[in-house]
Amino acid sequence: MTNPGDERFWRRLLSASAPLFIWAGHFFACYLLVAAQCSPALIDAGMPDRPLLLALSVVALGACLALLWRSRSAPAGLYGWAQRGTALLGTIAVALTSIPVLMVSAC
């Protein structure tokens, strides 16, 4: 039997850590995509595919910014502080991850 408080805890934990999951997924996808496109079997003069990387970064940044905007209404206390902090940290992390990936000129 589950306690209703446990369900609320897990929902709040996921809500507070969602920006960090977005950043981790963005980081993994960007560097995996660049590594795959720059492998010896796929090297091409136009690689890595910048429009795809830019689109991935824009989607991840938009999701983090939406969570940051939503965190403004978080309740006071540790949960609200954690939700605002992780949203800000996730937004900054996605932006900083995007910079070197988008500056790569070729493999």
PDB file of N, CA and C in Angstrom:
ATOM      1  N   MET A   1       0.838  -1.178   0.000  1.00  0.00           N
ATOM      2  CA  MET A   1       0.000   0.000   0.000  1.00  0.00           C
ATOM      3  C   MET A   1       0.883   1.240   0.000  1.00  0.00           C
ATOM      4  N   THR A   2       0.610   2.152  -0.885  1.00  0.00           N
ATOM      5  CA  THR A   2       1.400   3.368  -0.944  1.00  0.00           C
ATOM      6  C   THR A   2       0.709   4.479  -0.178  1.00  0.00           C
ATOM      7  N   ASN A   3       1.501   5.292   0.392  1.00  0.00           N
ATOM      8  CA  ASN A   3       1.026   6.445   1.134  1.00  0.00           C
ATOM      9  C   ASN A   3       0.822   7.599   0.153  1.00  0.00           C
ATOM     10  N   PRO A   4      -0.298   8.330   0.211  1.00  0.00           N
ATOM     11  CA  PRO A   4      -0.499   9.457  -0.709  1.00  0.00           C
ATOM     12  C   PRO A   4       0.609  10.503  -0.608  1.00  0.00           C
ATOM     13  N   GLY A   5       1.221  10.617   0.551  1.00  0.00           N
ATOM     14  CA  GLY A   5       2.333  11.554   0.708  1.00  0.00           C
ATOM     15  C   GLY A   5       3.546  11.143  -0.095  1.00  0.00           C
ATOM     16  N   ASP A   6       3.739   9.819  -0.241  1.00  0.00           N
ATOM     17  CA  ASP A   6       4.863   9.331  -1.042  1.00  0.00           C
ATOM     18  C   ASP A   6       4.701   9.712  -2.507  1.00  0.00           C
ATOM     19  N   GLU A   7       3.485   9.595  -3.016  1.00  0.00           N
ATOM     20  CA  GLU A   7       3.223   9.951  -4.411  1.00  0.00           C
ATOM     21  C   GLU A   7       3.489  11.433  -4.647  1.00  0.00           C
ATOM     22  N   ARG A   8       3.068  12.257  -3.716  1.00  0.00           N
ATOM     23  CA  ARG A   8       3.296  13.702  -3.844  1.00  0.00           C
ATOM     24  C   ARG A   8       4.788  14.012  -3.781  1.00  0.00           C
ATOM     25  N   PHE A   9       5.515  13.288  -2.927  1.00  0.00           N
ATOM     26  CA  PHE A   9       6.957  13.494  -2.820  1.00  0.00           C
ATOM     27  C   PHE A   9       7.649  13.213  -4.146  1.00  0.00           C
ATOM     28  N   TRP A  10       7.336  12.075  -4.772  1.00  0.00           N
ATOM     29  CA  TRP A  10       7.994  11.718  -6.026  1.00  0.00           C
ATOM     30  C   TRP A  10       7.623  12.678  -7.143  1.00  0.00           C
ATOM     31  N   ARG A  11       6.387  13.139  -7.164  1.00  0.00           N
ATOM     32  CA  ARG A  11       5.963  14.102  -8.175  1.00  0.00           C
ATOM     33  C   ARG A  11       6.715  15.422  -7.993  1.00  0.00           C
ATOM     34  N   ARG A  12       6.860  15.867  -6.766  1.00  0.00           N
ATOM     35  CA  ARG A  12       7.581  17.113  -6.494  1.00  0.00           C
ATOM     36  C   ARG A  12       9.066  16.971  -6.787  1.00  0.00           C
ATOM     37  N   LEU A  13       9.620  15.801  -6.467  1.00  0.00           N
ATOM     38  CA  LEU A  13      11.035  15.565  -6.750  1.00  0.00           C
ATOM     39  C   LEU A  13      11.304  15.601  -8.248  1.00  0.00           C
ATOM     40  N   LEU A  14      10.451  14.964  -9.028  1.00  0.00           N
ATOM     41  CA  LEU A  14      10.601  14.981 -10.483  1.00  0.00           C
ATOM     42  C   LEU A  14      10.413  16.389 -11.035  1.00  0.00           C
ATOM     43  N   SER A  15       9.466  17.112 -10.491  1.00  0.00           N
ATOM     44  CA  SER A  15       9.220  18.485 -10.936  1.00  0.00           C
ATOM     45  C   SER A  15      10.423  19.376 -10.660  1.00  0.00           C
ATOM     46  N   ALA A  16      11.037  19.201  -9.502  1.00  0.00           N
ATOM     47  CA  ALA A  16      12.180  20.038  -9.147  1.00  0.00           C
ATOM     48  C   ALA A  16      13.437  19.662  -9.918  1.00  0.00           C
ATOM     49  N   SER A  17      13.577  18.402 -10.302  1.00  0.00           N
ATOM     50  CA  SER A  17      14.794  17.978 -10.993  1.00  0.00           C
ATOM     51  C   SER A  17      14.640  17.894 -12.508  1.00  0.00           C
ATOM     52  N   ALA A  18      13.486  18.210 -13.039  1.00  0.00           N
ATOM     53  CA  ALA A  18      13.251  18.139 -14.492  1.00  0.00           C
ATOM     54  C   ALA A  18      14.239  18.968 -15.310  1.00  0.00           C
ATOM     55  N   PRO A  19      14.579  20.207 -14.899  1.00  0.00           N
ATOM     56  CA  PRO A  19      15.551  20.965 -15.707  1.00  0.00           C
ATOM     57  C   PRO A  19      16.913  20.281 -15.802  1.00  0.00           C
ATOM     58  N   LEU A  20      17.308  19.593 -14.750  1.00  0.00           N
ATOM     59  CA  LEU A  20      18.596  18.890 -14.793  1.00  0.00           C
ATOM     60  C   LEU A  20      18.529  17.669 -15.697  1.00  0.00           C
ATOM     61  N   PHE A  21      17.383  17.015 -15.753  1.00  0.00           N
ATOM     62  CA  PHE A  21      17.202  15.908 -16.691  1.00  0.00           C
ATOM     63  C   PHE A  21      17.211  16.413 -18.130  1.00  0.00           C
ATOM     64  N   ILE A  22      16.615  17.574 -18.364  1.00  0.00           N
ATOM     65  CA  ILE A  22      16.631  18.169 -19.706  1.00  0.00           C
ATOM     66  C   ILE A  22      18.061  18.487 -20.114  1.00  0.00           C
ATOM     67  N   TRP A  23      18.815  19.092 -19.206  1.00  0.00           N
ATOM     68  CA  TRP A  23      20.207  19.406 -19.512  1.00  0.00           C
ATOM     69  C   TRP A  23      21.006  18.138 -19.788  1.00  0.00           C
ATOM     70  N   ALA A  24      20.829  17.105 -18.970  1.00  0.00           N
ATOM     71  CA  ALA A  24      21.574  15.858 -19.167  1.00  0.00           C
ATOM     72  C   ALA A  24      21.227  15.228 -20.516  1.00  0.00           C
ATOM     73  N   GLY A  25      19.960  15.239 -20.872  1.00  0.00           N
ATOM     74  CA  GLY A  25      19.554  14.706 -22.173  1.00  0.00           C
ATOM     75  C   GLY A  25      20.119  15.518 -23.322  1.00  0.00           C
ATOM     76  N   HIS A  26      20.115  16.841 -23.170  1.00  0.00           N
ATOM     77  CA  HIS A  26      20.672  17.731 -24.194  1.00  0.00           C
ATOM     78  C   HIS A  26      22.173  17.497 -24.339  1.00  0.00           C
ATOM     79  N   PHE A  27      22.870  17.425 -23.233  1.00  0.00           N
ATOM     80  CA  PHE A  27      24.313  17.205 -23.243  1.00  0.00           C
ATOM     81  C   PHE A  27      24.641  15.887 -23.943  1.00  0.00           C
ATOM     82  N   PHE A  28      23.954  14.825 -23.547  1.00  0.00           N
ATOM     83  CA  PHE A  28      24.183  13.507 -24.130  1.00  0.00           C
ATOM     84  C   PHE A  28      23.873  13.497 -25.618  1.00  0.00           C
ATOM     85  N   ALA A  29      22.742  14.064 -26.008  1.00  0.00           N
ATOM     86  CA  ALA A  29      22.332  14.046 -27.415  1.00  0.00           C
ATOM     87  C   ALA A  29      23.280  14.860 -28.281  1.00  0.00           C
ATOM     88  N   CYS A  30      23.673  16.047 -27.820  1.00  0.00           N
ATOM     89  CA  CYS A  30      24.575  16.889 -28.615  1.00  0.00           C
ATOM     90  C   CYS A  30      25.919  16.218 -28.844  1.00  0.00           C
ATOM     91  N   TYR A  31      26.520  15.750 -27.791  1.00  0.00           N
ATOM     92  CA  TYR A  31      27.849  15.169 -27.943  1.00  0.00           C
ATOM     93  C   TYR A  31      27.804  13.807 -28.622  1.00  0.00           C
ATOM     94  N   LEU A  32      26.738  13.056 -28.440  1.00  0.00           N
ATOM     95  CA  LEU A  32      26.582  11.807 -29.170  1.00  0.00           C
ATOM     96  C   LEU A  32      26.403  12.070 -30.665  1.00  0.00           C
ATOM     97  N   LEU A  33      25.620  13.076 -31.001  1.00  0.00           N
ATOM     98  CA  LEU A  33      25.400  13.426 -32.402  1.00  0.00           C
ATOM     99  C   LEU A  33      26.694  13.888 -33.060  1.00  0.00           C
ATOM    100  N   VAL A  34      27.458  14.723 -32.390  1.00  0.00           N
ATOM    101  CA  VAL A  34      28.728  15.193 -32.958  1.00  0.00           C
ATOM    102  C   VAL A  34      29.707  14.026 -33.095  1.00  0.00           C
ATOM    103  N   ALA A  35      29.765  13.169 -32.088  1.00  0.00           N
ATOM    104  CA  ALA A  35      30.683  12.030 -32.161  1.00  0.00           C
ATOM    105  C   ALA A  35      30.284  11.065 -33.272  1.00  0.00           C
ATOM    106  N   ALA A  36      28.998  10.848 -33.428  1.00  0.00           N
ATOM    107  CA  ALA A  36      28.539   9.943 -34.482  1.00  0.00           C
ATOM    108  C   ALA A  36      28.799  10.526 -35.860  1.00  0.00           C
ATOM    109  N   GLN A  37      28.563  11.820 -36.024  1.00  0.00           N
ATOM    110  CA  GLN A  37      28.767  12.441 -37.329  1.00  0.00           C
ATOM    111  C   GLN A  37      30.238  12.611 -37.656  1.00  0.00           C
ATOM    112  N   CYS A  38      31.089  12.647 -36.661  1.00  0.00           N
ATOM    113  CA  CYS A  38      32.518  12.806 -36.907  1.00  0.00           C
ATOM    114  C   CYS A  38      33.274  11.484 -36.859  1.00  0.00           C
ATOM    115  N   SER A  39      32.557  10.388 -36.847  1.00  0.00           N
ATOM    116  CA  SER A  39      33.226   9.085 -36.873  1.00  0.00           C
ATOM    117  C   SER A  39      33.848   8.888 -38.261  1.00  0.00           C
ATOM    118  N   PRO A  40      34.895   8.105 -38.367  1.00  0.00           N
ATOM    119  CA  PRO A  40      35.560   7.915 -39.663  1.00  0.00           C
ATOM    120  C   PRO A  40      34.630   7.421 -40.765  1.00  0.00           C
ATOM    121  N   ALA A  41      33.596   6.693 -40.433  1.00  0.00           N
ATOM    122  CA  ALA A  41      32.683   6.179 -41.454  1.00  0.00           C
ATOM    123  C   ALA A  41      31.760   7.257 -42.011  1.00  0.00           C
ATOM    124  N   LEU A  42      31.525   8.312 -41.251  1.00  0.00           N
ATOM    125  CA  LEU A  42      30.560   9.331 -41.672  1.00  0.00           C
ATOM    126  C   LEU A  42      31.147  10.714 -41.905  1.00  0.00           C
ATOM    127  N   ILE A  43      32.462  10.855 -41.843  1.00  0.00           N
ATOM    128  CA  ILE A  43      33.041  12.197 -41.975  1.00  0.00           C
ATOM    129  C   ILE A  43      32.661  12.792 -43.318  1.00  0.00           C
ATOM    130  N   ASP A  44      32.172  14.006 -43.261  1.00  0.00           N
ATOM    131  CA  ASP A  44      31.761  14.748 -44.439  1.00  0.00           C
ATOM    132  C   ASP A  44      32.205  16.194 -44.226  1.00  0.00           C
ATOM    133  N   ALA A  45      32.396  16.921 -45.300  1.00  0.00           N
ATOM    134  CA  ALA A  45      32.881  18.298 -45.178  1.00  0.00           C
ATOM    135  C   ALA A  45      31.922  19.188 -44.405  1.00  0.00           C
ATOM    136  N   GLY A  46      30.639  18.929 -44.479  1.00  0.00           N
ATOM    137  CA  GLY A  46      29.658  19.782 -43.814  1.00  0.00           C
ATOM    138  C   GLY A  46      29.298  19.348 -42.414  1.00  0.00           C
ATOM    139  N   MET A  47      29.976  18.394 -41.858  1.00  0.00           N
ATOM    140  CA  MET A  47      29.630  17.869 -40.541  1.00  0.00           C
ATOM    141  C   MET A  47      30.293  18.690 -39.461  1.00  0.00           C
ATOM    142  N   PRO A  48      29.783  18.783 -38.292  1.00  0.00           N
ATOM    143  CA  PRO A  48      28.511  18.255 -37.826  1.00  0.00           C
ATOM    144  C   PRO A  48      27.330  19.091 -38.310  1.00  0.00           C
ATOM    145  N   ASP A  49      26.177  18.518 -38.244  1.00  0.00           N
ATOM    146  CA  ASP A  49      24.953  19.131 -38.744  1.00  0.00           C
ATOM    147  C   ASP A  49      24.498  20.244 -37.796  1.00  0.00           C
ATOM    148  N   ARG A  50      24.891  21.475 -38.095  1.00  0.00           N
ATOM    149  CA  ARG A  50      24.587  22.597 -37.204  1.00  0.00           C
ATOM    150  C   ARG A  50      23.104  22.907 -37.051  1.00  0.00           C
ATOM    151  N   PRO A  51      22.296  22.868 -38.112  1.00  0.00           N
ATOM    152  CA  PRO A  51      20.870  23.153 -37.901  1.00  0.00           C
ATOM    153  C   PRO A  51      20.203  22.183 -36.933  1.00  0.00           C
ATOM    154  N   LEU A  52      20.591  20.928 -36.996  1.00  0.00           N
ATOM    155  CA  LEU A  52      20.026  19.949 -36.079  1.00  0.00           C
ATOM    156  C   LEU A  52      20.470  20.238 -34.644  1.00  0.00           C
ATOM    157  N   LEU A  53      21.744  20.553 -34.456  1.00  0.00           N
ATOM    158  CA  LEU A  53      22.247  20.892 -33.129  1.00  0.00           C
ATOM    159  C   LEU A  53      21.597  22.168 -32.600  1.00  0.00           C
ATOM    160  N   LEU A  54      21.404  23.135 -33.480  1.00  0.00           N
ATOM    161  CA  LEU A  54      20.761  24.385 -33.072  1.00  0.00           C
ATOM    162  C   LEU A  54      19.313  24.136 -32.678  1.00  0.00           C
ATOM    163  N   ALA A  55      18.599  23.326 -33.445  1.00  0.00           N
ATOM    164  CA  ALA A  55      17.209  23.021 -33.115  1.00  0.00           C
ATOM    165  C   ALA A  55      17.113  22.280 -31.781  1.00  0.00           C
ATOM    166  N   LEU A  56      18.007  21.333 -31.562  1.00  0.00           N
ATOM    167  CA  LEU A  56      18.027  20.602 -30.303  1.00  0.00           C
ATOM    168  C   LEU A  56      18.299  21.538 -29.128  1.00  0.00           C
ATOM    169  N   SER A  57      19.223  22.458 -29.317  1.00  0.00           N
ATOM    170  CA  SER A  57      19.552  23.412 -28.259  1.00  0.00           C
ATOM    171  C   SER A  57      18.413  24.383 -27.992  1.00  0.00           C
ATOM    172  N   VAL A  58      17.742  24.833 -29.031  1.00  0.00           N
ATOM    173  CA  VAL A  58      16.621  25.759 -28.859  1.00  0.00           C
ATOM    174  C   VAL A  58      15.470  25.079 -28.118  1.00  0.00           C
ATOM    175  N   VAL A  59      15.192  23.834 -28.455  1.00  0.00           N
ATOM    176  CA  VAL A  59      14.107  23.103 -27.775  1.00  0.00           C
ATOM    177  C   VAL A  59      14.452  22.903 -26.300  1.00  0.00           C
ATOM    178  N   ALA A  60      15.677  22.481 -26.008  1.00  0.00           N
ATOM    179  CA  ALA A  60      16.081  22.259 -24.618  1.00  0.00           C
ATOM    180  C   ALA A  60      16.095  23.560 -23.824  1.00  0.00           C
ATOM    181  N   LEU A  61      16.596  24.621 -24.442  1.00  0.00           N
ATOM    182  CA  LEU A  61      16.621  25.913 -23.762  1.00  0.00           C
ATOM    183  C   LEU A  61      15.209  26.432 -23.529  1.00  0.00           C
ATOM    184  N   GLY A  62      14.335  26.250 -24.499  1.00  0.00           N
ATOM    185  CA  GLY A  62      12.944  26.670 -24.331  1.00  0.00           C
ATOM    186  C   GLY A  62      12.251  25.910 -23.214  1.00  0.00           C
ATOM    187  N   ALA A  63      12.510  24.613 -23.121  1.00  0.00           N
ATOM    188  CA  ALA A  63      11.907  23.818 -22.046  1.00  0.00           C
ATOM    189  C   ALA A  63      12.419  24.265 -20.681  1.00  0.00           C
ATOM    190  N   CYS A  64      13.716  24.532 -20.586  1.00  0.00           N
ATOM    191  CA  CYS A  64      14.272  25.003 -19.312  1.00  0.00           C
ATOM    192  C   CYS A  64      13.748  26.391 -18.957  1.00  0.00           C
ATOM    193  N   LEU A  65      13.618  27.251 -19.951  1.00  0.00           N
ATOM    194  CA  LEU A  65      13.070  28.589 -19.681  1.00  0.00           C
ATOM    195  C   LEU A  65      11.606  28.510 -19.257  1.00  0.00           C
ATOM    196  N   ALA A  66      10.853  27.601 -19.839  1.00  0.00           N
ATOM    197  CA  ALA A  66       9.453  27.420 -19.425  1.00  0.00           C
ATOM    198  C   ALA A  66       9.378  26.932 -17.982  1.00  0.00           C
ATOM    199  N   LEU A  67      10.263  26.016 -17.610  1.00  0.00           N
ATOM    200  CA  LEU A  67      10.281  25.545 -16.221  1.00  0.00           C
ATOM    201  C   LEU A  67      10.757  26.645 -15.276  1.00  0.00           C
ATOM    202  N   LEU A  68      11.681  27.472 -15.736  1.00  0.00           N
ATOM    203  CA  LEU A  68      12.122  28.612 -14.923  1.00  0.00           C
ATOM    204  C   LEU A  68      10.975  29.592 -14.721  1.00  0.00           C
ATOM    205  N   TRP A  69      10.222  29.850 -15.759  1.00  0.00           N
ATOM    206  CA  TRP A  69       9.072  30.745 -15.661  1.00  0.00           C
ATOM    207  C   TRP A  69       8.016  30.160 -14.715  1.00  0.00           C
ATOM    208  N   ARG A  70       7.781  28.856 -14.823  1.00  0.00           N
ATOM    209  CA  ARG A  70       6.799  28.203 -13.967  1.00  0.00           C
ATOM    210  C   ARG A  70       7.240  28.161 -12.507  1.00  0.00           C
ATOM    211  N   SER A  71       8.549  28.164 -12.275  1.00  0.00           N
ATOM    212  CA  SER A  71       9.055  28.085 -10.902  1.00  0.00           C
ATOM    213  C   SER A  71       8.828  29.382 -10.123  1.00  0.00           C
ATOM    214  N   ARG A  72       8.443  30.433 -10.816  1.00  0.00           N
ATOM    215  CA  ARG A  72       8.161  31.684 -10.102  1.00  0.00           C
ATOM    216  C   ARG A  72       7.016  31.517  -9.121  1.00  0.00           C
ATOM    217  N   SER A  73       6.099  30.609  -9.420  1.00  0.00           N
ATOM    218  CA  SER A  73       4.947  30.409  -8.546  1.00  0.00           C
ATOM    219  C   SER A  73       5.163  29.264  -7.558  1.00  0.00           C
ATOM    220  N   ALA A  74       6.399  28.816  -7.398  1.00  0.00           N
ATOM    221  CA  ALA A  74       6.691  27.729  -6.460  1.00  0.00           C
ATOM    222  C   ALA A  74       6.474  28.229  -5.036  1.00  0.00           C
ATOM    223  N   PRO A  75       6.032  27.352  -4.153  1.00  0.00           N
ATOM    224  CA  PRO A  75       5.796  27.778  -2.774  1.00  0.00           C
ATOM    225  C   PRO A  75       7.098  28.131  -2.065  1.00  0.00           C
ATOM    226  N   ALA A  76       6.969  28.871  -0.999  1.00  0.00           N
ATOM    227  CA  ALA A  76       8.141  29.241  -0.204  1.00  0.00           C
ATOM    228  C   ALA A  76       8.679  27.993   0.494  1.00  0.00           C
ATOM    229  N   GLY A  77       9.922  28.033   0.853  1.00  0.00           N
ATOM    230  CA  GLY A  77      10.529  26.906   1.547  1.00  0.00           C
ATOM    231  C   GLY A  77      11.555  26.196   0.687  1.00  0.00           C
ATOM    232  N   LEU A  78      11.995  25.073   1.180  1.00  0.00           N
ATOM    233  CA  LEU A  78      13.057  24.331   0.507  1.00  0.00           C
ATOM    234  C   LEU A  78      12.650  23.861  -0.884  1.00  0.00           C
ATOM    235  N   TYR A  79      11.424  23.381  -1.031  1.00  0.00           N
ATOM    236  CA  TYR A  79      10.968  22.907  -2.341  1.00  0.00           C
ATOM    237  C   TYR A  79      10.977  24.033  -3.368  1.00  0.00           C
ATOM    238  N   GLY A  80      10.451  25.185  -3.024  1.00  0.00           N
ATOM    239  CA  GLY A  80      10.440  26.319  -3.951  1.00  0.00           C
ATOM    240  C   GLY A  80      11.838  26.778  -4.301  1.00  0.00           C
ATOM    241  N   TRP A  81      12.701  26.812  -3.301  1.00  0.00           N
ATOM    242  CA  TRP A  81      14.084  27.217  -3.533  1.00  0.00           C
ATOM    243  C   TRP A  81      14.770  26.224  -4.471  1.00  0.00           C
ATOM    244  N   ALA A  82      14.550  24.938  -4.242  1.00  0.00           N
ATOM    245  CA  ALA A  82      15.156  23.902  -5.090  1.00  0.00           C
ATOM    246  C   ALA A  82      14.609  23.975  -6.510  1.00  0.00           C
ATOM    247  N   GLN A  83      13.312  24.208  -6.651  1.00  0.00           N
ATOM    248  CA  GLN A  83      12.717  24.274  -7.983  1.00  0.00           C
ATOM    249  C   GLN A  83      13.253  25.474  -8.761  1.00  0.00           C
ATOM    250  N   ARG A  84      13.341  26.616  -8.118  1.00  0.00           N
ATOM    251  CA  ARG A  84      13.893  27.801  -8.791  1.00  0.00           C
ATOM    252  C   ARG A  84      15.376  27.627  -9.093  1.00  0.00           C
ATOM    253  N   GLY A  85      16.111  27.063  -8.154  1.00  0.00           N
ATOM    254  CA  GLY A  85      17.549  26.874  -8.339  1.00  0.00           C
ATOM    255  C   GLY A  85      17.883  25.905  -9.451  1.00  0.00           C
ATOM    256  N   THR A  86      17.196  24.776  -9.493  1.00  0.00           N
ATOM    257  CA  THR A  86      17.486  23.810 -10.552  1.00  0.00           C
ATOM    258  C   THR A  86      17.027  24.316 -11.911  1.00  0.00           C
ATOM    259  N   ALA A  87      15.946  25.097 -11.940  1.00  0.00           N
ATOM    260  CA  ALA A  87      15.499  25.666 -13.219  1.00  0.00           C
ATOM    261  C   ALA A  87      16.539  26.647 -13.746  1.00  0.00           C
ATOM    262  N   LEU A  88      17.084  27.474 -12.875  1.00  0.00           N
ATOM    263  CA  LEU A  88      18.117  28.427 -13.286  1.00  0.00           C
ATOM    264  C   LEU A  88      19.397  27.685 -13.681  1.00  0.00           C
ATOM    265  N   LEU A  89      19.779  26.708 -12.891  1.00  0.00           N
ATOM    266  CA  LEU A  89      20.984  25.934 -13.186  1.00  0.00           C
ATOM    267  C   LEU A  89      20.846  25.167 -14.505  1.00  0.00           C
ATOM    268  N   GLY A  90      19.684  24.569 -14.742  1.00  0.00           N
ATOM    269  CA  GLY A  90      19.457  23.849 -15.991  1.00  0.00           C
ATOM    270  C   GLY A  90      19.503  24.762 -17.200  1.00  0.00           C
ATOM    271  N   THR A  91      18.923  25.955 -17.069  1.00  0.00           N
ATOM    272  CA  THR A  91      18.935  26.928 -18.165  1.00  0.00           C
ATOM    273  C   THR A  91      20.361  27.357 -18.494  1.00  0.00           C
ATOM    274  N   ILE A  92      21.130  27.667 -17.472  1.00  0.00           N
ATOM    275  CA  ILE A  92      22.526  28.078 -17.684  1.00  0.00           C
ATOM    276  C   ILE A  92      23.337  26.926 -18.264  1.00  0.00           C
ATOM    277  N   ALA A  93      23.121  25.722 -17.768  1.00  0.00           N
ATOM    278  CA  ALA A  93      23.881  24.558 -18.249  1.00  0.00           C
ATOM    279  C   ALA A  93      23.592  24.253 -19.713  1.00  0.00           C
ATOM    280  N   VAL A  94      22.322  24.348 -20.122  1.00  0.00           N
ATOM    281  CA  VAL A  94      21.982  24.112 -21.529  1.00  0.00           C
ATOM    282  C   VAL A  94      22.631  25.189 -22.401  1.00  0.00           C
ATOM    283  N   ALA A  95      22.590  26.437 -21.961  1.00  0.00           N
ATOM    284  CA  ALA A  95      23.201  27.513 -22.742  1.00  0.00           C
ATOM    285  C   ALA A  95      24.708  27.312 -22.865  1.00  0.00           C
ATOM    286  N   LEU A  96      25.363  26.943 -21.783  1.00  0.00           N
ATOM    287  CA  LEU A  96      26.811  26.749 -21.830  1.00  0.00           C
ATOM    288  C   LEU A  96      27.203  25.491 -22.608  1.00  0.00           C
ATOM    289  N   THR A  97      26.373  24.478 -22.588  1.00  0.00           N
ATOM    290  CA  THR A  97      26.647  23.281 -23.385  1.00  0.00           C
ATOM    291  C   THR A  97      26.505  23.577 -24.868  1.00  0.00           C
ATOM    292  N   SER A  98      25.592  24.466 -25.206  1.00  0.00           N
ATOM    293  CA  SER A  98      25.345  24.789 -26.612  1.00  0.00           C
ATOM    294  C   SER A  98      26.483  25.572 -27.245  1.00  0.00           C
ATOM    295  N   ILE A  99      27.191  26.355 -26.482  1.00  0.00           N
ATOM    296  CA  ILE A  99      28.231  27.224 -27.045  1.00  0.00           C
ATOM    297  C   ILE A  99      29.328  26.430 -27.757  1.00  0.00           C
ATOM    298  N   PRO A 100      30.029  25.487 -27.088  1.00  0.00           N
ATOM    299  CA  PRO A 100      31.094  24.780 -27.820  1.00  0.00           C
ATOM    300  C   PRO A 100      30.569  23.882 -28.930  1.00  0.00           C
ATOM    301  N   VAL A 101      29.404  23.301 -28.747  1.00  0.00           N
ATOM    302  CA  VAL A 101      28.860  22.422 -29.779  1.00  0.00           C
ATOM    303  C   VAL A 101      28.565  23.210 -31.044  1.00  0.00           C
ATOM    304  N   LEU A 102      28.036  24.418 -30.910  1.00  0.00           N
ATOM    305  CA  LEU A 102      27.697  25.221 -32.077  1.00  0.00           C
ATOM    306  C   LEU A 102      28.917  25.925 -32.682  1.00  0.00           C
ATOM    307  N   MET A 103      30.019  25.984 -31.942  1.00  0.00           N
ATOM    308  CA  MET A 103      31.212  26.631 -32.475  1.00  0.00           C
ATOM    309  C   MET A 103      32.114  25.660 -33.240  1.00  0.00           C
ATOM    310  N   VAL A 104      31.835  24.376 -33.166  1.00  0.00           N
ATOM    311  CA  VAL A 104      32.650  23.392 -33.882  1.00  0.00           C
ATOM    312  C   VAL A 104      32.447  23.620 -35.379  1.00  0.00           C
ATOM    313  N   SER A 105      33.538  23.844 -36.085  1.00  0.00           N
ATOM    314  CA  SER A 105      33.403  24.139 -37.497  1.00  0.00           C
ATOM    315  C   SER A 105      33.371  22.847 -38.339  1.00  0.00           C
ATOM    316  N   ALA A 106      34.213  21.925 -38.035  1.00  0.00           N
ATOM    317  CA  ALA A 106      34.251  20.651 -38.777  1.00  0.00           C
ATOM    318  C   ALA A 106      34.976  19.625 -37.912  1.00  0.00           C
ATOM    319  N   CYS A 107      34.883  18.397 -38.341  1.00  0.00           N
ATOM    320  CA  CYS A 107      35.487  17.301 -37.567  1.00  0.00           C
ATOM    321  C   CYS A 107      37.002  17.327 -37.652  1.00  0.00           C
TER     322      CYS A 107
END
